[in-house]
Amino acid sequence: KGRKRGLQVCEERRERAYGRQLASQADARVLAAADVLRGLTELAERERHVRPEILSGPSLDIVEGRHPVVEALLEGEFIPNDLAMDSGQEQIHLLTGPNMGGKSTYLRQTALIVLMAQMGAFVPASSARIGITDKIFTRVGASDNLARGQSTFLIEMEETATILRNLSERSLVIMDEIGRGTSTYDGLSLAWSVVEYLHEEKRPHPRTLFATHYHELTRLEAE
């Protein structure tokens, strides 16, 4: 008898809960939004984030930008840095230098600041003027999938091809070490041709940060 009554009570509560399903989901969405906004507000206040200015044109101007995660891990020892670019005169920035020189941090920092601004958050910088961005494309890191016959180099080339096929004038492209999965001169040729493709007159000119060990690419500035 007691077991039967217990099952009946559970069934009644289940039916009652089911009847309030839509209302409960709406309440959950409101609470989730409030939780996110409160978290972003506390973060902005604690870490000295600023309100970005969102622009209609495809430009990007960051003063004393910081990588929010690396800065937290370094406990205040992060050195801020600037960035100014647009789809015209300052479309592509080539970064070269030794390992652990900060190239990848600078790339990821820019992508995170743009993403945070697009989602409505304050950003880790002294000031930031950010043009509306439709997509953020990244080609970073090394990985393979040998079970599917995909080497590190194949994945790198597939990701690069996907970026080049889908970018637009409003995109932000982050590329780190294109062509490192093959021989030196083949890799240099690939990296060189990708930079030229991104800058070609008849195609969209996305804002691009391109980190490379091929210092020969700096000769492209003269062209």
C-alpha atoms as a PDB file:
ATOM      1  CA  LYS A   1       0.000   0.000   0.000  1.00  0.00           C
ATOM      2  CA  GLY A   2       2.737   2.433   1.005  1.00  0.00           C
ATOM      3  CA  ARG A   3       4.712   1.669  -2.179  1.00  0.00           C
ATOM      4  CA  LYS A   4       1.638   2.223  -4.332  1.00  0.00           C
ATOM      5  CA  ARG A   5       0.953   5.551  -2.634  1.00  0.00           C
ATOM      6  CA  GLY A   6       4.576   6.575  -3.108  1.00  0.00           C
ATOM      7  CA  LEU A   7       4.396   5.846  -6.833  1.00  0.00           C
ATOM      8  CA  GLN A   8       1.163   7.821  -7.061  1.00  0.00           C
ATOM      9  CA  VAL A   9       2.762  10.831  -5.360  1.00  0.00           C
ATOM     10  CA  CYS A  10       5.764  10.655  -7.743  1.00  0.00           C
ATOM     11  CA  GLU A  11       3.422  10.478 -10.729  1.00  0.00           C
ATOM     12  CA  GLU A  12       1.437  13.479  -9.517  1.00  0.00           C
ATOM     13  CA  ARG A  13       4.579  15.534  -9.018  1.00  0.00           C
ATOM     14  CA  ARG A  14       5.903  14.500 -12.397  1.00  0.00           C
ATOM     15  CA  GLU A  15       2.684  15.620 -14.063  1.00  0.00           C
ATOM     16  CA  ARG A  16       2.781  18.912 -12.152  1.00  0.00           C
ATOM     17  CA  ALA A  17       6.394  19.497 -13.140  1.00  0.00           C
ATOM     18  CA  TYR A  18       5.626  18.650 -16.768  1.00  0.00           C
ATOM     19  CA  GLY A  19       2.802  21.178 -16.719  1.00  0.00           C
ATOM     20  CA  ARG A  20       5.278  23.850 -15.615  1.00  0.00           C
ATOM     21  CA  GLN A  21       7.959  22.827 -18.091  1.00  0.00           C
ATOM     22  CA  LEU A  22       7.758  25.907 -20.331  1.00  0.00           C
ATOM     23  CA  ALA A  23       7.584  28.278 -17.380  1.00  0.00           C
ATOM     24  CA  SER A  24      10.536  26.559 -15.698  1.00  0.00           C
ATOM     25  CA  GLN A  25      12.609  26.752 -18.881  1.00  0.00           C
ATOM     26  CA  ALA A  26      11.833  30.467 -19.203  1.00  0.00           C
ATOM     27  CA  ASP A  27      12.871  31.010 -15.572  1.00  0.00           C
ATOM     28  CA  ALA A  28      16.077  29.057 -16.194  1.00  0.00           C
ATOM     29  CA  ARG A  29      16.938  31.218 -19.218  1.00  0.00           C
ATOM     30  CA  VAL A  30      16.448  34.420 -17.217  1.00  0.00           C
ATOM     31  CA  LEU A  31      18.568  33.118 -14.337  1.00  0.00           C
ATOM     32  CA  ALA A  32      21.287  31.931 -16.737  1.00  0.00           C
ATOM     33  CA  ALA A  33      21.423  35.330 -18.453  1.00  0.00           C
ATOM     34  CA  ALA A  34      21.584  37.121 -15.101  1.00  0.00           C
ATOM     35  CA  ASP A  35      24.365  34.777 -13.950  1.00  0.00           C
ATOM     36  CA  VAL A  36      26.432  35.438 -17.093  1.00  0.00           C
ATOM     37  CA  LEU A  37      25.963  39.209 -16.879  1.00  0.00           C
ATOM     38  CA  ARG A  38      26.857  39.274 -13.182  1.00  0.00           C
ATOM     39  CA  GLY A  39      29.975  37.187 -13.851  1.00  0.00           C
ATOM     40  CA  LEU A  40      31.081  39.466 -16.707  1.00  0.00           C
ATOM     41  CA  THR A  41      30.443  42.553 -14.564  1.00  0.00           C
ATOM     42  CA  GLU A  42      32.516  41.229 -11.658  1.00  0.00           C
ATOM     43  CA  LEU A  43      35.306  40.201 -14.051  1.00  0.00           C
ATOM     44  CA  ALA A  44      35.366  43.614 -15.746  1.00  0.00           C
ATOM     45  CA  GLU A  45      35.544  45.426 -12.416  1.00  0.00           C
ATOM     46  CA  ARG A  46      38.192  43.153 -10.918  1.00  0.00           C
ATOM     47  CA  GLU A  47      40.460  42.960 -13.987  1.00  0.00           C
ATOM     48  CA  ARG A  48      40.047  46.574 -15.179  1.00  0.00           C
ATOM     49  CA  HIS A  49      38.269  45.751 -18.432  1.00  0.00           C
ATOM     50  CA  VAL A  50      36.837  48.582 -20.528  1.00  0.00           C
ATOM     51  CA  ARG A  51      33.752  49.025 -22.657  1.00  0.00           C
ATOM     52  CA  PRO A  52      34.688  48.588 -26.352  1.00  0.00           C
ATOM     53  CA  GLU A  53      33.402  50.908 -29.052  1.00  0.00           C
ATOM     54  CA  ILE A  54      31.734  48.860 -31.777  1.00  0.00           C
ATOM     55  CA  LEU A  55      32.243  50.292 -35.270  1.00  0.00           C
ATOM     56  CA  SER A  56      30.402  49.598 -38.511  1.00  0.00           C
ATOM     57  CA  GLY A  57      33.580  49.458 -40.614  1.00  0.00           C
ATOM     58  CA  PRO A  58      36.096  46.557 -40.651  1.00  0.00           C
ATOM     59  CA  SER A  59      38.751  48.140 -38.438  1.00  0.00           C
ATOM     60  CA  LEU A  60      40.439  47.105 -35.214  1.00  0.00           C
ATOM     61  CA  ASP A  61      42.221  49.430 -32.803  1.00  0.00           C
ATOM     62  CA  ILE A  62      43.295  48.065 -29.415  1.00  0.00           C
ATOM     63  CA  VAL A  63      45.383  50.060 -26.920  1.00  0.00           C
ATOM     64  CA  GLU A  64      47.233  48.155 -24.179  1.00  0.00           C
ATOM     65  CA  GLY A  65      45.420  44.916 -24.874  1.00  0.00           C
ATOM     66  CA  ARG A  66      45.950  41.929 -22.590  1.00  0.00           C
ATOM     67  CA  HIS A  67      45.341  38.179 -22.816  1.00  0.00           C
ATOM     68  CA  PRO A  68      42.765  37.596 -20.054  1.00  0.00           C
ATOM     69  CA  VAL A  69      43.825  34.026 -19.233  1.00  0.00           C
ATOM     70  CA  VAL A  70      47.605  34.469 -19.471  1.00  0.00           C
ATOM     71  CA  GLU A  71      47.376  37.677 -17.444  1.00  0.00           C
ATOM     72  CA  ALA A  72      45.506  35.851 -14.670  1.00  0.00           C
ATOM     73  CA  LEU A  73      48.112  33.062 -14.616  1.00  0.00           C
ATOM     74  CA  LEU A  74      51.025  35.536 -14.537  1.00  0.00           C
ATOM     75  CA  GLU A  75      49.392  37.457 -11.673  1.00  0.00           C
ATOM     76  CA  GLY A  76      49.884  40.965 -13.028  1.00  0.00           C
ATOM     77  CA  GLU A  77      53.182  40.448 -14.879  1.00  0.00           C
ATOM     78  CA  PHE A  78      51.627  40.519 -18.354  1.00  0.00           C
ATOM     79  CA  ILE A  79      52.970  43.315 -20.585  1.00  0.00           C
ATOM     80  CA  PRO A  80      50.125  45.045 -22.510  1.00  0.00           C
ATOM     81  CA  ASN A  81      50.448  45.683 -26.237  1.00  0.00           C
ATOM     82  CA  ASP A  82      48.700  47.597 -29.014  1.00  0.00           C
ATOM     83  CA  LEU A  83      47.177  46.672 -32.363  1.00  0.00           C
ATOM     84  CA  ALA A  84      45.842  48.842 -35.196  1.00  0.00           C
ATOM     85  CA  MET A  85      44.521  47.332 -38.422  1.00  0.00           C
ATOM     86  CA  ASP A  86      41.812  47.608 -41.067  1.00  0.00           C
ATOM     87  CA  SER A  87      40.955  46.090 -44.436  1.00  0.00           C
ATOM     88  CA  GLY A  88      42.890  48.767 -46.339  1.00  0.00           C
ATOM     89  CA  GLN A  89      46.357  50.026 -45.435  1.00  0.00           C
ATOM     90  CA  GLU A  90      46.874  47.824 -42.362  1.00  0.00           C
ATOM     91  CA  GLN A  91      45.176  44.621 -43.476  1.00  0.00           C
ATOM     92  CA  ILE A  92      47.838  41.978 -42.761  1.00  0.00           C
ATOM     93  CA  HIS A  93      50.245  41.928 -39.831  1.00  0.00           C
ATOM     94  CA  LEU A  94      53.188  39.537 -40.176  1.00  0.00           C
ATOM     95  CA  LEU A  95      54.737  38.434 -36.885  1.00  0.00           C
ATOM     96  CA  THR A  96      58.067  36.663 -36.812  1.00  0.00           C
ATOM     97  CA  GLY A  97      60.508  35.850 -34.045  1.00  0.00           C
ATOM     98  CA  PRO A  98      61.878  33.024 -31.865  1.00  0.00           C
ATOM     99  CA  ASN A  99      59.909  30.361 -30.038  1.00  0.00           C
ATOM    100  CA  MET A 100      58.258  31.622 -26.819  1.00  0.00           C
ATOM    101  CA  GLY A 101      58.561  35.174 -28.125  1.00  0.00           C
ATOM    102  CA  GLY A 102      54.844  35.879 -27.624  1.00  0.00           C
ATOM    103  CA  LYS A 103      53.554  35.500 -31.193  1.00  0.00           C
ATOM    104  CA  SER A 104      50.823  32.965 -30.400  1.00  0.00           C
ATOM    105  CA  THR A 105      49.773  34.848 -27.269  1.00  0.00           C
ATOM    106  CA  TYR A 106      49.364  38.041 -29.299  1.00  0.00           C
ATOM    107  CA  LEU A 107      47.240  36.228 -31.905  1.00  0.00           C
ATOM    108  CA  ARG A 108      44.978  34.537 -29.387  1.00  0.00           C
ATOM    109  CA  GLN A 109      44.685  37.719 -27.327  1.00  0.00           C
ATOM    110  CA  THR A 110      43.323  39.582 -30.341  1.00  0.00           C
ATOM    111  CA  ALA A 111      40.806  36.857 -31.142  1.00  0.00           C
ATOM    112  CA  LEU A 112      39.592  36.759 -27.521  1.00  0.00           C
ATOM    113  CA  ILE A 113      39.186  40.534 -27.302  1.00  0.00           C
ATOM    114  CA  VAL A 114      37.159  40.601 -30.529  1.00  0.00           C
ATOM    115  CA  LEU A 115      35.035  37.665 -29.372  1.00  0.00           C
ATOM    116  CA  MET A 116      34.370  39.255 -25.978  1.00  0.00           C
ATOM    117  CA  ALA A 117      33.366  42.536 -27.628  1.00  0.00           C
ATOM    118  CA  GLN A 118      31.036  40.755 -30.046  1.00  0.00           C
ATOM    119  CA  MET A 119      29.238  38.979 -27.181  1.00  0.00           C
ATOM    120  CA  GLY A 120      28.673  42.259 -25.350  1.00  0.00           C
ATOM    121  CA  ALA A 121      31.384  41.980 -22.698  1.00  0.00           C
ATOM    122  CA  PHE A 122      33.938  44.541 -21.594  1.00  0.00           C
ATOM    123  CA  VAL A 123      37.465  43.740 -22.815  1.00  0.00           C
ATOM    124  CA  PRO A 124      40.968  43.599 -21.252  1.00  0.00           C
ATOM    125  CA  ALA A 125      42.489  46.788 -22.669  1.00  0.00           C
ATOM    126  CA  SER A 126      42.852  50.513 -21.992  1.00  0.00           C
ATOM    127  CA  SER A 127      40.632  51.222 -24.994  1.00  0.00           C
ATOM    128  CA  ALA A 128      39.253  49.230 -27.913  1.00  0.00           C
ATOM    129  CA  ARG A 129      37.533  50.230 -31.162  1.00  0.00           C
ATOM    130  CA  ILE A 130      36.345  47.079 -32.906  1.00  0.00           C
ATOM    131  CA  GLY A 131      34.612  46.758 -36.251  1.00  0.00           C
ATOM    132  CA  ILE A 132      31.724  44.288 -36.440  1.00  0.00           C
ATOM    133  CA  THR A 133      33.142  40.848 -37.214  1.00  0.00           C
ATOM    134  CA  ASP A 134      31.121  38.153 -38.959  1.00  0.00           C
ATOM    135  CA  LYS A 135      33.545  35.257 -38.359  1.00  0.00           C
ATOM    136  CA  ILE A 136      36.791  34.542 -36.523  1.00  0.00           C
ATOM    137  CA  PHE A 137      38.932  31.983 -38.353  1.00  0.00           C
ATOM    138  CA  THR A 138      41.894  30.341 -36.618  1.00  0.00           C
ATOM    139  CA  ARG A 139      44.609  28.010 -37.882  1.00  0.00           C
ATOM    140  CA  VAL A 140      46.731  27.345 -34.815  1.00  0.00           C
ATOM    141  CA  GLY A 141      48.385  24.392 -33.108  1.00  0.00           C
ATOM    142  CA  ALA A 142      49.447  21.007 -34.438  1.00  0.00           C
ATOM    143  CA  SER A 143      47.263  17.898 -34.429  1.00  0.00           C
ATOM    144  CA  ASP A 144      46.718  14.740 -36.445  1.00  0.00           C
ATOM    145  CA  ASN A 145      44.128  11.997 -36.830  1.00  0.00           C
ATOM    146  CA  LEU A 146      46.080   8.937 -37.884  1.00  0.00           C
ATOM    147  CA  ALA A 147      43.066   6.623 -37.539  1.00  0.00           C
ATOM    148  CA  ARG A 148      41.452   8.523 -40.411  1.00  0.00           C
ATOM    149  CA  GLY A 149      44.680   8.885 -42.365  1.00  0.00           C
ATOM    150  CA  GLN A 150      45.014  12.606 -41.619  1.00  0.00           C
ATOM    151  CA  SER A 151      48.527  13.808 -40.897  1.00  0.00           C
ATOM    152  CA  THR A 152      49.369  17.088 -39.159  1.00  0.00           C
ATOM    153  CA  PHE A 153      50.170  18.651 -42.532  1.00  0.00           C
ATOM    154  CA  LEU A 154      46.922  17.435 -44.151  1.00  0.00           C
ATOM    155  CA  ILE A 155      44.802  18.866 -41.324  1.00  0.00           C
ATOM    156  CA  GLU A 156      46.725  22.140 -41.529  1.00  0.00           C
ATOM    157  CA  MET A 157      46.067  22.400 -45.275  1.00  0.00           C
ATOM    158  CA  GLU A 158      42.385  21.431 -44.959  1.00  0.00           C
ATOM    159  CA  GLU A 159      41.822  24.073 -42.273  1.00  0.00           C
ATOM    160  CA  THR A 160      43.653  26.682 -44.347  1.00  0.00           C
ATOM    161  CA  ALA A 161      41.564  25.843 -47.431  1.00  0.00           C
ATOM    162  CA  THR A 162      38.346  26.127 -45.397  1.00  0.00           C
ATOM    163  CA  ILE A 163      39.369  29.589 -44.186  1.00  0.00           C
ATOM    164  CA  LEU A 164      40.269  30.830 -47.665  1.00  0.00           C
ATOM    165  CA  ARG A 165      36.943  29.579 -49.078  1.00  0.00           C
ATOM    166  CA  ASN A 166      34.704  31.116 -46.409  1.00  0.00           C
ATOM    167  CA  LEU A 167      36.213  34.434 -45.320  1.00  0.00           C
ATOM    168  CA  SER A 168      34.747  37.861 -46.007  1.00  0.00           C
ATOM    169  CA  GLU A 169      35.757  41.511 -45.725  1.00  0.00           C
ATOM    170  CA  ARG A 170      34.497  41.553 -42.124  1.00  0.00           C
ATOM    171  CA  SER A 171      36.297  38.395 -40.992  1.00  0.00           C
ATOM    172  CA  LEU A 172      39.235  38.171 -38.596  1.00  0.00           C
ATOM    173  CA  VAL A 173      41.831  35.588 -39.661  1.00  0.00           C
ATOM    174  CA  ILE A 174      44.380  34.213 -37.194  1.00  0.00           C
ATOM    175  CA  MET A 175      47.104  32.030 -38.740  1.00  0.00           C
ATOM    176  CA  ASP A 176      49.999  30.532 -36.798  1.00  0.00           C
ATOM    177  CA  GLU A 177      52.870  28.808 -38.635  1.00  0.00           C
ATOM    178  CA  ILE A 178      51.411  27.855 -42.011  1.00  0.00           C
ATOM    179  CA  GLY A 179      53.546  25.298 -43.868  1.00  0.00           C
ATOM    180  CA  ARG A 180      55.543  23.919 -40.951  1.00  0.00           C
ATOM    181  CA  GLY A 181      54.360  20.352 -41.581  1.00  0.00           C
ATOM    182  CA  THR A 182      56.440  19.945 -44.739  1.00  0.00           C
ATOM    183  CA  SER A 183      59.946  20.747 -46.013  1.00  0.00           C
ATOM    184  CA  THR A 184      61.332  24.233 -45.472  1.00  0.00           C
ATOM    185  CA  TYR A 185      61.044  25.589 -49.011  1.00  0.00           C
ATOM    186  CA  ASP A 186      57.670  23.946 -49.673  1.00  0.00           C
ATOM    187  CA  GLY A 187      56.396  25.379 -46.391  1.00  0.00           C
ATOM    188  CA  LEU A 188      57.744  28.828 -47.228  1.00  0.00           C
ATOM    189  CA  SER A 189      56.100  28.682 -50.675  1.00  0.00           C
ATOM    190  CA  LEU A 190      52.765  27.734 -49.116  1.00  0.00           C
ATOM    191  CA  ALA A 191      52.904  30.465 -46.487  1.00  0.00           C
ATOM    192  CA  TRP A 192      53.951  33.023 -49.098  1.00  0.00           C
ATOM    193  CA  SER A 193      51.098  32.121 -51.460  1.00  0.00           C
ATOM    194  CA  VAL A 194      48.506  32.184 -48.651  1.00  0.00           C
ATOM    195  CA  VAL A 195      49.574  35.721 -47.661  1.00  0.00           C
ATOM    196  CA  GLU A 196      49.406  36.839 -51.295  1.00  0.00           C
ATOM    197  CA  TYR A 197      45.955  35.262 -51.679  1.00  0.00           C
ATOM    198  CA  LEU A 198      44.669  37.107 -48.605  1.00  0.00           C
ATOM    199  CA  HIS A 199      45.940  40.389 -50.045  1.00  0.00           C
ATOM    200  CA  GLU A 200      44.837  39.981 -53.674  1.00  0.00           C
ATOM    201  CA  GLU A 201      42.904  42.909 -55.063  1.00  0.00           C
ATOM    202  CA  LYS A 202      39.928  40.990 -56.475  1.00  0.00           C
ATOM    203  CA  ARG A 203      39.187  39.098 -53.244  1.00  0.00           C
ATOM    204  CA  PRO A 204      37.897  40.130 -49.789  1.00  0.00           C
ATOM    205  CA  HIS A 205      40.537  41.685 -47.550  1.00  0.00           C
ATOM    206  CA  PRO A 206      40.005  40.215 -44.062  1.00  0.00           C
ATOM    207  CA  ARG A 207      41.948  41.593 -41.106  1.00  0.00           C
ATOM    208  CA  THR A 208      44.736  39.036 -40.735  1.00  0.00           C
ATOM    209  CA  LEU A 209      47.357  38.233 -38.116  1.00  0.00           C
ATOM    210  CA  PHE A 210      49.949  35.859 -39.575  1.00  0.00           C
ATOM    211  CA  ALA A 211      52.677  34.453 -37.315  1.00  0.00           C
ATOM    212  CA  THR A 212      55.567  32.617 -38.938  1.00  0.00           C
ATOM    213  CA  HIS A 213      59.130  31.438 -38.465  1.00  0.00           C
ATOM    214  CA  TYR A 214      59.778  32.160 -42.153  1.00  0.00           C
ATOM    215  CA  HIS A 215      61.335  35.605 -41.723  1.00  0.00           C
ATOM    216  CA  GLU A 216      61.705  35.674 -45.523  1.00  0.00           C
ATOM    217  CA  LEU A 217      58.012  36.599 -45.643  1.00  0.00           C
ATOM    218  CA  THR A 218      58.850  40.074 -44.341  1.00  0.00           C
ATOM    219  CA  ARG A 219      60.054  40.831 -47.891  1.00  0.00           C
ATOM    220  CA  LEU A 220      56.387  40.884 -48.907  1.00  0.00           C
ATOM    221  CA  GLU A 221      56.070  44.299 -47.246  1.00  0.00           C
ATOM    222  CA  ALA A 222      58.030  45.837 -50.108  1.00  0.00           C
ATOM    223  CA  GLU A 223      55.568  44.382 -52.629  1.00  0.00           C
END
